[in-house]
C-alpha atoms as a PDB file:
ATOM      1  CA  THR A   1     -35.927   0.516  57.220  1.00  0.00           C
ATOM      2  CA  MET A   2     -32.713  -0.952  57.390  1.00  0.00           C
ATOM      3  CA  LEU A   3     -31.491   1.407  54.343  1.00  0.00           C
ATOM      4  CA  ARG A   4     -33.224   4.206  56.125  1.00  0.00           C
ATOM      5  CA  LYS A   5     -31.327   3.180  59.311  1.00  0.00           C
ATOM      6  CA  HIS A   6     -28.246   2.883  58.088  1.00  0.00           C
ATOM      7  CA  LEU A   7     -28.370   6.297  56.445  1.00  0.00           C
ATOM      8  CA  GLU A   8     -29.465   7.643  59.232  1.00  0.00           C
ATOM      9  CA  THR A   9     -26.217   5.974  61.340  1.00  0.00           C
ATOM     10  CA  SER A  10     -23.817   7.337  59.017  1.00  0.00           C
ATOM     11  CA  GLY A  11     -24.990  10.362  58.648  1.00  0.00           C
ATOM     12  CA  LYS A  12     -24.501  11.131  61.985  1.00  0.00           C
ATOM     13  CA  GLU A  13     -21.098   9.117  62.214  1.00  0.00           C
ATOM     14  CA  ILE A  14     -19.244  12.123  59.353  1.00  0.00           C
ATOM     15  CA  ALA A  15     -21.070  15.026  62.380  1.00  0.00           C
ATOM     16  CA  GLU A  16     -18.822  13.361  64.191  1.00  0.00           C
ATOM     17  CA  LEU A  17     -16.100  13.093  62.480  1.00  0.00           C
ATOM     18  CA  GLN A  18     -16.012  16.778  61.544  1.00  0.00           C
ATOM     19  CA  ASP A  19     -16.144  17.127  64.471  1.00  0.00           C
ATOM     20  CA  ASP A  20     -13.546  15.179  65.572  1.00  0.00           C
ATOM     21  CA  LYS A  21     -10.922  17.188  62.571  1.00  0.00           C
ATOM     22  CA  TYR A  22     -11.899  20.175  64.348  1.00  0.00           C
ATOM     23  CA  GLY A  23     -10.875  18.900  67.703  1.00  0.00           C
ATOM     24  CA  LYS A  24      -8.081  17.776  65.701  1.00  0.00           C
ATOM     25  CA  ARG A  25      -7.075  20.552  64.069  1.00  0.00           C
ATOM     26  CA  ALA A  26      -7.171  22.527  67.547  1.00  0.00           C
ATOM     27  CA  ALA A  27      -5.456  19.814  69.284  1.00  0.00           C
ATOM     28  CA  ALA A  28      -2.805  19.858  66.228  1.00  0.00           C
ATOM     29  CA  GLY A  29      -2.557  23.485  67.042  1.00  0.00           C
ATOM     30  CA  VAL A  30      -1.676  23.380  70.703  1.00  0.00           C
ATOM     31  CA  ASP A  31       1.018  20.728  70.295  1.00  0.00           C
ATOM     32  CA  SER A  32       3.090  22.631  67.812  1.00  0.00           C
ATOM     33  CA  ALA A  33       2.483  25.948  70.518  1.00  0.00           C
ATOM     34  CA  VAL A  34       3.395  24.181  73.550  1.00  0.00           C
ATOM     35  CA  VAL A  35       6.902  22.095  71.026  1.00  0.00           C
ATOM     36  CA  ARG A  36       8.054  25.784  69.788  1.00  0.00           C
ATOM     37  CA  LEU A  37       7.425  27.171  73.627  1.00  0.00           C
ATOM     38  CA  ARG A  38       9.801  24.065  74.872  1.00  0.00           C
ATOM     39  CA  ARG A  39      12.714  24.650  71.895  1.00  0.00           C
ATOM     40  CA  ARG A  40      12.339  28.257  72.964  1.00  0.00           C
ATOM     41  CA  LEU A  41      12.288  27.008  76.680  1.00  0.00           C
ATOM     42  CA  ALA A  42      15.108  24.578  75.844  1.00  0.00           C
ATOM     43  CA  ARG A  43      17.665  26.581  73.956  1.00  0.00           C
ATOM     44  CA  PRO A  44      19.404  29.243  76.289  1.00  0.00           C
ATOM     45  CA  GLN A  45      19.625  25.611  78.662  1.00  0.00           C
ATOM     46  CA  SER A  46      21.296  22.645  75.956  1.00  0.00           C
ATOM     47  CA  VAL A  47      23.652  25.774  74.681  1.00  0.00           C
ATOM     48  CA  ARG A  48      25.364  27.077  78.501  1.00  0.00           C
ATOM     49  CA  PRO A  49      27.449  22.897  78.632  1.00  0.00           C
ATOM     50  CA  ALA A  50      28.252  24.008  75.254  1.00  0.00           C
ATOM     51  CA  THR A  51      30.001  26.983  75.819  1.00  0.00           C
ATOM     52  CA  SER A  52      31.780  26.703  79.169  1.00  0.00           C
END
C-alpha cells in the first residue's frame, strides 16, 4: 500500500512537472518577446545621445 501510494503521488508530480514545463516554455517565449520589444524601444533613445 505504501508503494502504491508513492507511485500515485509520483504520477501526479510528473503530471505537474509536465504542466510546469509547458508553462515555463510559454513564459520564456513571452520573456524573449518582451526583451525584443524593449530593445526595439530603447534603441532610438540610446542612439540619440551618441549622435549629439
